Amino acid sequence: MAAALDDQKPEPDEPLGWQPVWKRSRQPKSKAAKKAELRKQRRRLQGAGRRRLAAGQSRRPRSRQNRIGNAAARRDARALSRVRHSTAWLR
């Protein structure tokens, strides 16, 4: 299988696309290329942060049924936790 993968040579003017680490060229990137890559990465991460912030701040009203269900689940969890951490069975 490795031989079949080795035979695939891209055309000289064709962009390489994704390659495994051991096949990538060892040419160091120019400073401009490195900065451009970091700039793209920073924009991507900032966009993700903005989306996360917006998602946390969105005040879409939840349905009443949903809130009631969550409250009941919390009460159940609290009761179970009390039973689990109680020392009543030691007496």
Protein backbone atom coordinates (compact mmCIF):
# COMPACT_ATOMS: atom_id res chain seq x y z
CA MET A 1 0.00 0.00 0.00
CA ALA A 2 2.87 2.37 0.78
CA ALA A 3 4.22 1.83 -2.71
CA ALA A 4 0.86 2.80 -4.21
CA LEU A 5 0.83 5.98 -2.14
CA ASP A 6 4.41 6.85 -3.13
CA ASP A 7 3.61 6.65 -6.83
CA GLN A 8 1.14 9.54 -6.69
CA LYS A 9 3.18 12.53 -7.81
CA PRO A 10 1.35 15.87 -8.20
CA GLU A 11 1.92 18.00 -11.27
CA PRO A 12 4.59 20.68 -10.72
CA ASP A 13 2.14 23.61 -10.95
CA GLU A 14 -0.63 21.87 -8.97
CA PRO A 15 -1.02 22.98 -5.31
CA LEU A 16 -0.03 20.23 -2.90
CA GLY A 17 -3.01 20.40 -0.52
CA TRP A 18 -2.86 18.31 2.65
CA GLN A 19 0.13 16.06 3.09
CA PRO A 20 1.25 13.95 6.02
CA VAL A 21 3.97 15.51 8.14
CA TRP A 22 6.69 13.20 6.87
CA LYS A 23 5.98 14.15 3.25
CA ARG A 24 5.97 17.93 3.68
CA SER A 25 8.87 19.91 2.34
CA ARG A 26 11.42 20.94 4.94
CA GLN A 27 11.75 24.40 3.52
CA PRO A 28 11.21 26.92 6.30
CA LYS A 29 8.41 29.38 5.67
CA SER A 30 9.27 32.95 4.91
CA LYS A 31 8.52 35.51 7.60
CA ALA A 32 5.72 36.94 5.48
CA ALA A 33 4.13 33.49 4.99
CA LYS A 34 4.39 32.72 8.69
CA LYS A 35 2.82 36.07 9.63
CA ALA A 36 0.03 35.58 7.09
CA GLU A 37 -0.71 32.14 8.55
CA LEU A 38 -0.77 33.51 12.09
CA ARG A 39 -3.01 36.36 10.96
CA LYS A 40 -5.48 33.86 9.47
CA GLN A 41 -5.36 31.76 12.65
CA ARG A 42 -5.93 34.82 14.85
CA ARG A 43 -8.93 35.89 12.77
CA ARG A 44 -10.37 32.37 12.97
CA LEU A 45 -9.95 32.19 16.75
CA GLN A 46 -11.32 35.70 17.29
CA GLY A 47 -14.37 34.83 15.20
CA ALA A 48 -14.93 31.70 17.28
CA GLY A 49 -14.62 33.75 20.47
CA ARG A 50 -17.14 36.29 19.22
CA ARG A 51 -19.58 33.54 18.30
CA ARG A 52 -19.16 31.93 21.72
CA LEU A 53 -19.76 35.27 23.45
CA ALA A 54 -22.84 35.96 21.33
CA ALA A 55 -24.21 32.48 22.07
CA GLY A 56 -23.80 33.02 25.81
CA GLN A 57 -25.46 36.42 25.68
CA SER A 58 -28.37 35.50 23.44
CA ARG A 59 -31.50 36.05 25.47
CA ARG A 60 -33.83 33.77 23.60
CA PRO A 61 -36.64 33.01 26.05
CA ARG A 62 -36.84 29.35 26.92
CA SER A 63 -40.18 27.62 27.08
CA ARG A 64 -41.71 27.32 30.53
CA GLN A 65 -41.88 23.54 30.25
CA ASN A 66 -38.16 23.40 29.62
CA ARG A 67 -37.40 25.47 32.70
CA ILE A 68 -39.69 23.36 34.89
CA GLY A 69 -38.03 20.16 33.68
CA ASN A 70 -34.58 21.51 34.46
CA ALA A 71 -35.61 22.64 37.94
CA ALA A 72 -37.07 19.22 38.68
CA ALA A 73 -33.90 17.51 37.46
CA ARG A 74 -31.82 19.79 39.68
CA ARG A 75 -33.99 18.98 42.70
CA ASP A 76 -33.65 15.25 42.02
CA ALA A 77 -29.89 15.55 41.65
CA ARG A 78 -29.67 17.53 44.88
CA ALA A 79 -31.70 14.91 46.79
CA LEU A 80 -29.58 12.08 45.40
CA SER A 81 -26.43 13.93 46.35
CA ARG A 82 -27.71 14.41 49.90
CA VAL A 83 -28.42 10.69 50.21
CA ARG A 84 -25.03 9.82 48.78
CA HIS A 85 -23.12 12.13 51.11
CA SER A 86 -25.18 11.57 54.22
CA THR A 87 -23.77 9.63 57.17
CA ALA A 88 -27.19 8.33 58.25
CA TRP A 89 -26.29 4.72 57.44
CA LEU A 90 -23.25 4.86 59.73
CA ARG A 91 -25.32 5.34 62.88
